[in-house]
Every structure is written in C-alpha cells, then in structure tokens.
C-alpha cells in the first residue's frame, strides 16, 4: 500500500464564477497501452490551492507491484452535471513518486 498526501498550488481557474473544485484521478497503464482508473480523490470546493486528504492506494492495483509502471495523474474541475473540465495532467511512476517523497533519506 502506498500512502500519499498531495496538494495543488496555483491551479488554473475553470469556473466562470468562483474558483475551481479540483479532484485527482490516478490511472494505471494497462498491457494494451490504454489506462484504467484506479483511484479518485474527493473534490475540494472553490480553491486553486487544494490540499487533498491523505490517501492509501493498494500498490497491486496502482501499478501491479511494478514501480516502473506508468501512472497517469489527471486533475479535473468537478462539475455537478458530470462534465468535469481537465485542469492538467502528468505521467509518473511509483519509483518517481518515491524519489520525490519529502524527508526521503
């Protein structure tokens, strides 16, 4: 199980009135090259600097226990009608996330 606490800084404003309501989605690269959703955070209302609750994701589910499996992380602006707007995305691996961990020795 991998434990993460993530935050966004100065995210793009997507709502006409107010700020964005951001949430994250984690997608694992599948054998055929497509991506499958493995985790979605809660959305945080009206902020461009969200701090998501700490999360735990099973490493088998996230990357099939392979730290070099590509993980796509997407940040969306939540909309009540279900048509969420993309704010941004990046590709990473569990190995890269471990390297970026604060306090890593």
N, C-alpha and C. Protein backbone atom coordinates (compact mmCIF):
# COMPACT_ATOMS: atom_id res chain seq x y z
N UNK A 1 0.85 -1.18 0.00
CA UNK A 1 0.00 0.00 0.00
C UNK A 1 0.90 1.24 0.00
N UNK A 2 0.57 2.19 -0.84
CA UNK A 2 1.31 3.45 -0.87
C UNK A 2 0.42 4.52 -0.23
N UNK A 3 1.04 5.34 0.63
CA UNK A 3 0.33 6.42 1.31
C UNK A 3 0.82 7.74 0.73
N UNK A 4 -0.12 8.62 0.38
CA UNK A 4 0.23 9.91 -0.20
C UNK A 4 -0.64 11.01 0.38
N UNK A 5 -0.03 12.17 0.51
CA UNK A 5 -0.77 13.40 0.82
C UNK A 5 -0.35 14.40 -0.25
N UNK A 6 -1.30 14.85 -1.03
CA UNK A 6 -0.99 15.73 -2.16
C UNK A 6 -1.70 17.07 -2.04
N UNK A 7 -1.10 18.06 -2.69
CA UNK A 7 -1.72 19.37 -2.76
C UNK A 7 -1.44 19.97 -4.12
N UNK A 8 -2.27 20.92 -4.51
CA UNK A 8 -2.08 21.67 -5.74
C UNK A 8 -1.76 23.11 -5.39
N UNK A 9 -0.97 23.75 -6.23
CA UNK A 9 -0.58 25.14 -6.00
C UNK A 9 -0.87 25.95 -7.26
N UNK A 10 -1.65 26.99 -7.10
CA UNK A 10 -1.99 27.92 -8.20
C UNK A 10 -2.57 27.19 -9.42
N UNK A 11 -3.56 26.34 -9.18
CA UNK A 11 -4.21 25.65 -10.29
C UNK A 11 -4.97 26.64 -11.16
N UNK A 12 -5.21 26.24 -12.39
CA UNK A 12 -5.94 27.07 -13.34
C UNK A 12 -7.41 27.20 -12.92
N UNK A 13 -7.94 28.39 -13.04
CA UNK A 13 -9.36 28.65 -12.72
C UNK A 13 -10.21 28.19 -13.89
N UNK A 14 -11.18 27.31 -13.63
CA UNK A 14 -12.03 26.78 -14.69
C UNK A 14 -13.48 27.23 -14.57
N UNK A 15 -13.90 27.66 -13.40
CA UNK A 15 -15.29 28.08 -13.21
C UNK A 15 -15.43 29.56 -13.55
N UNK A 16 -16.53 29.90 -14.20
CA UNK A 16 -16.79 31.29 -14.57
C UNK A 16 -16.94 32.14 -13.32
N UNK A 17 -17.73 31.65 -12.38
CA UNK A 17 -17.90 32.31 -11.09
C UNK A 17 -17.12 31.50 -10.06
N UNK A 18 -16.34 32.16 -9.23
CA UNK A 18 -15.59 31.44 -8.20
C UNK A 18 -14.33 30.80 -8.76
N UNK A 19 -13.81 29.85 -8.02
CA UNK A 19 -12.58 29.17 -8.39
C UNK A 19 -12.92 27.75 -8.84
N UNK A 20 -11.91 26.92 -9.01
CA UNK A 20 -12.14 25.53 -9.41
C UNK A 20 -12.53 24.68 -8.21
N UNK A 21 -13.07 23.50 -8.50
CA UNK A 21 -13.42 22.50 -7.50
C UNK A 21 -12.60 21.24 -7.84
N UNK A 22 -11.29 21.26 -7.58
CA UNK A 22 -10.40 20.22 -8.11
C UNK A 22 -10.49 18.86 -7.43
N UNK A 23 -10.24 17.83 -8.24
CA UNK A 23 -10.03 16.47 -7.74
C UNK A 23 -9.02 15.79 -8.65
N UNK A 24 -8.43 14.71 -8.15
CA UNK A 24 -7.41 13.96 -8.89
C UNK A 24 -7.92 12.58 -9.26
N UNK A 25 -7.45 12.10 -10.40
CA UNK A 25 -7.67 10.71 -10.81
C UNK A 25 -6.32 10.08 -11.11
N UNK A 26 -6.14 8.84 -10.63
CA UNK A 26 -4.93 8.07 -10.89
C UNK A 26 -5.29 6.92 -11.82
N UNK A 27 -4.57 6.82 -12.93
CA UNK A 27 -4.81 5.79 -13.94
C UNK A 27 -3.55 4.97 -14.13
N UNK A 28 -3.69 3.66 -14.18
CA UNK A 28 -2.57 2.75 -14.41
C UNK A 28 -2.54 2.36 -15.88
N UNK A 29 -1.32 2.31 -16.44
CA UNK A 29 -1.20 1.87 -17.83
C UNK A 29 -1.42 0.36 -17.89
N UNK A 30 -2.30 -0.05 -18.77
CA UNK A 30 -2.63 -1.46 -18.96
C UNK A 30 -1.75 -2.07 -20.04
N UNK A 31 -1.78 -3.38 -20.16
CA UNK A 31 -0.92 -4.09 -21.12
C UNK A 31 -1.13 -3.64 -22.56
N UNK A 32 -2.36 -3.25 -22.91
CA UNK A 32 -2.64 -2.82 -24.29
C UNK A 32 -2.30 -1.35 -24.54
N UNK A 33 -1.72 -0.67 -23.52
CA UNK A 33 -1.32 0.73 -23.66
C UNK A 33 -2.39 1.72 -23.23
N UNK A 34 -3.61 1.24 -23.00
CA UNK A 34 -4.66 2.14 -22.51
C UNK A 34 -4.48 2.34 -21.00
N UNK A 35 -5.34 3.16 -20.41
CA UNK A 35 -5.24 3.47 -18.99
C UNK A 35 -6.55 3.13 -18.29
N UNK A 36 -6.43 2.60 -17.09
CA UNK A 36 -7.60 2.26 -16.29
C UNK A 36 -7.58 3.05 -14.99
N UNK A 37 -8.73 3.58 -14.61
CA UNK A 37 -8.86 4.35 -13.38
C UNK A 37 -8.66 3.44 -12.17
N UNK A 38 -7.78 3.86 -11.24
CA UNK A 38 -7.56 3.08 -10.03
C UNK A 38 -7.92 3.84 -8.76
N UNK A 39 -7.95 5.18 -8.83
CA UNK A 39 -8.29 5.95 -7.63
C UNK A 39 -8.75 7.36 -8.02
N UNK A 40 -9.72 7.87 -7.29
CA UNK A 40 -10.20 9.24 -7.47
C UNK A 40 -10.28 9.88 -6.08
N UNK A 41 -9.75 11.08 -5.95
CA UNK A 41 -9.83 11.80 -4.68
C UNK A 41 -11.19 12.48 -4.55
N UNK A 42 -11.43 13.02 -3.39
CA UNK A 42 -12.59 13.88 -3.20
C UNK A 42 -12.36 15.19 -3.95
N UNK A 43 -13.44 15.89 -4.32
CA UNK A 43 -13.27 17.22 -4.90
C UNK A 43 -13.32 18.24 -3.76
N UNK A 44 -12.54 19.29 -3.91
CA UNK A 44 -12.46 20.33 -2.90
C UNK A 44 -13.04 21.59 -3.52
N UNK A 45 -14.06 22.11 -2.89
CA UNK A 45 -14.79 23.24 -3.48
C UNK A 45 -14.03 24.56 -3.40
N UNK A 46 -14.13 25.30 -4.50
CA UNK A 46 -13.76 26.71 -4.59
C UNK A 46 -12.34 27.02 -4.12
N UNK A 47 -11.36 26.37 -4.73
CA UNK A 47 -9.96 26.65 -4.38
C UNK A 47 -9.04 26.42 -5.58
N UNK A 48 -7.96 27.15 -5.61
CA UNK A 48 -6.92 26.93 -6.60
C UNK A 48 -5.67 26.35 -5.94
N UNK A 49 -5.73 26.14 -4.61
CA UNK A 49 -4.63 25.60 -3.83
C UNK A 49 -5.13 24.47 -2.93
N UNK A 50 -5.62 23.38 -3.52
CA UNK A 50 -6.23 22.31 -2.72
C UNK A 50 -5.21 21.48 -1.94
N UNK A 51 -5.65 21.00 -0.80
CA UNK A 51 -4.90 20.01 0.00
C UNK A 51 -5.84 18.83 0.16
N UNK A 52 -5.56 17.74 -0.58
CA UNK A 52 -6.42 16.56 -0.51
C UNK A 52 -6.12 15.77 0.75
N UNK A 53 -7.13 15.05 1.22
CA UNK A 53 -6.95 14.19 2.39
C UNK A 53 -5.90 13.12 2.09
N UNK A 54 -5.16 12.70 3.12
CA UNK A 54 -4.21 11.60 2.90
C UNK A 54 -4.93 10.39 2.31
N UNK A 55 -4.25 9.70 1.41
CA UNK A 55 -4.88 8.56 0.74
C UNK A 55 -3.96 7.35 0.79
N UNK A 56 -4.56 6.18 0.72
CA UNK A 56 -3.83 4.92 0.62
C UNK A 56 -4.33 4.21 -0.62
N UNK A 57 -3.39 3.79 -1.47
CA UNK A 57 -3.75 3.06 -2.69
C UNK A 57 -2.96 1.75 -2.69
N UNK A 58 -3.64 0.66 -2.91
CA UNK A 58 -3.00 -0.65 -2.98
C UNK A 58 -2.03 -0.65 -4.16
N UNK A 59 -0.76 -1.03 -3.91
CA UNK A 59 0.25 -0.98 -4.97
C UNK A 59 -0.03 -2.00 -6.08
N UNK A 60 -0.68 -3.09 -5.74
CA UNK A 60 -1.04 -4.05 -6.80
C UNK A 60 -2.04 -3.41 -7.76
N UNK A 61 -2.99 -2.70 -7.19
CA UNK A 61 -3.99 -2.02 -8.01
C UNK A 61 -3.39 -0.84 -8.78
N UNK A 62 -2.49 -0.09 -8.12
CA UNK A 62 -1.91 1.10 -8.72
C UNK A 62 -0.93 0.77 -9.85
N UNK A 63 -0.08 -0.23 -9.63
CA UNK A 63 0.98 -0.48 -10.62
C UNK A 63 1.35 -1.95 -10.74
N UNK A 64 0.47 -2.85 -10.29
CA UNK A 64 0.73 -4.28 -10.33
C UNK A 64 2.06 -4.62 -9.64
N UNK A 65 2.36 -3.87 -8.57
CA UNK A 65 3.58 -4.03 -7.78
C UNK A 65 4.86 -3.79 -8.58
N UNK A 66 4.74 -3.14 -9.73
CA UNK A 66 5.91 -2.80 -10.56
C UNK A 66 6.14 -1.30 -10.44
N UNK A 67 7.20 -0.86 -9.74
CA UNK A 67 7.42 0.56 -9.52
C UNK A 67 7.71 1.36 -10.79
N UNK A 68 7.93 0.67 -11.92
CA UNK A 68 8.21 1.37 -13.19
C UNK A 68 7.00 1.44 -14.12
N UNK A 69 5.85 0.93 -13.67
CA UNK A 69 4.62 1.04 -14.48
C UNK A 69 4.20 2.50 -14.56
N UNK A 70 3.83 2.94 -15.76
CA UNK A 70 3.42 4.33 -15.96
C UNK A 70 2.07 4.58 -15.29
N UNK A 71 2.02 5.69 -14.54
CA UNK A 71 0.80 6.14 -13.87
C UNK A 71 0.47 7.52 -14.42
N UNK A 72 -0.76 7.68 -14.87
CA UNK A 72 -1.22 9.00 -15.35
C UNK A 72 -2.06 9.63 -14.24
N UNK A 73 -1.70 10.85 -13.84
CA UNK A 73 -2.44 11.58 -12.82
C UNK A 73 -3.09 12.77 -13.52
N UNK A 74 -4.41 12.85 -13.40
CA UNK A 74 -5.16 13.94 -14.02
C UNK A 74 -5.85 14.75 -12.94
N UNK A 75 -5.84 16.06 -13.12
CA UNK A 75 -6.54 16.96 -12.21
C UNK A 75 -7.71 17.58 -12.98
N UNK A 76 -8.89 17.47 -12.39
CA UNK A 76 -10.11 17.97 -13.02
C UNK A 76 -10.80 19.00 -12.12
N UNK A 77 -11.58 19.86 -12.76
CA UNK A 77 -12.51 20.74 -12.07
C UNK A 77 -13.85 20.02 -12.05
N UNK A 78 -14.34 19.71 -10.86
CA UNK A 78 -15.60 18.98 -10.69
C UNK A 78 -16.78 19.87 -11.09
N UNK A 79 -17.73 19.29 -11.81
CA UNK A 79 -18.98 19.96 -12.15
C UNK A 79 -20.14 19.03 -11.81
N UNK A 80 -21.18 19.59 -11.23
CA UNK A 80 -22.31 18.76 -10.76
C UNK A 80 -23.00 18.01 -11.89
N UNK A 81 -22.89 18.49 -13.13
CA UNK A 81 -23.53 17.80 -14.26
C UNK A 81 -22.69 16.63 -14.79
N UNK A 82 -21.52 16.41 -14.19
CA UNK A 82 -20.68 15.28 -14.58
C UNK A 82 -19.71 15.57 -15.71
N UNK A 83 -19.79 16.75 -16.33
CA UNK A 83 -18.85 17.09 -17.41
C UNK A 83 -17.68 17.86 -16.81
N UNK A 84 -16.76 17.12 -16.19
CA UNK A 84 -15.63 17.72 -15.50
C UNK A 84 -14.62 18.27 -16.50
N UNK A 85 -14.03 19.41 -16.16
CA UNK A 85 -13.05 20.07 -17.04
C UNK A 85 -11.64 19.69 -16.60
N UNK A 86 -10.80 19.32 -17.57
CA UNK A 86 -9.41 18.99 -17.25
C UNK A 86 -8.65 20.25 -16.88
N UNK A 87 -7.91 20.20 -15.79
CA UNK A 87 -7.05 21.31 -15.38
C UNK A 87 -5.62 21.02 -15.83
N UNK A 88 -5.20 19.78 -15.67
CA UNK A 88 -3.86 19.39 -16.08
C UNK A 88 -3.63 17.92 -15.82
N UNK A 89 -2.49 17.42 -16.30
CA UNK A 89 -2.15 16.00 -16.13
C UNK A 89 -0.65 15.84 -16.20
N UNK A 90 -0.18 14.73 -15.63
CA UNK A 90 1.22 14.37 -15.77
C UNK A 90 1.36 12.86 -15.69
N UNK A 91 2.48 12.36 -16.20
CA UNK A 91 2.80 10.94 -16.16
C UNK A 91 3.93 10.76 -15.16
N UNK A 92 3.88 9.66 -14.42
CA UNK A 92 4.90 9.36 -13.45
C UNK A 92 4.95 7.86 -13.23
N UNK A 93 5.76 7.42 -12.30
CA UNK A 93 5.82 6.03 -11.87
C UNK A 93 5.87 6.04 -10.35
N UNK A 94 5.63 4.91 -9.75
CA UNK A 94 5.75 4.81 -8.30
C UNK A 94 7.19 5.08 -7.88
N UNK A 95 8.16 4.63 -8.67
CA UNK A 95 9.57 4.88 -8.37
C UNK A 95 9.84 6.39 -8.33
N UNK A 96 9.30 7.15 -9.29
CA UNK A 96 9.49 8.60 -9.30
C UNK A 96 8.80 9.27 -8.12
N UNK A 97 7.61 8.80 -7.78
CA UNK A 97 6.90 9.35 -6.62
C UNK A 97 7.70 9.11 -5.34
N UNK A 98 8.28 7.93 -5.22
CA UNK A 98 9.11 7.62 -4.04
C UNK A 98 10.32 8.54 -3.97
N UNK A 99 10.93 8.83 -5.11
CA UNK A 99 12.09 9.73 -5.15
C UNK A 99 11.73 11.14 -4.73
N UNK A 100 10.51 11.57 -5.03
CA UNK A 100 10.06 12.92 -4.73
C UNK A 100 9.51 13.07 -3.31
N UNK A 101 9.45 11.98 -2.58
CA UNK A 101 8.86 11.98 -1.25
C UNK A 101 9.63 12.91 -0.32
N UNK A 102 8.92 13.85 0.37
CA UNK A 102 9.59 14.72 1.34
C UNK A 102 10.21 13.90 2.46
N UNK A 103 11.38 14.31 2.90
CA UNK A 103 12.03 13.63 4.01
C UNK A 103 12.71 12.33 3.63
N UNK A 104 12.78 12.05 2.33
CA UNK A 104 13.43 10.82 1.88
C UNK A 104 14.91 10.91 2.19
N UNK A 105 15.46 9.84 2.71
CA UNK A 105 16.90 9.84 3.05
C UNK A 105 17.72 9.13 2.01
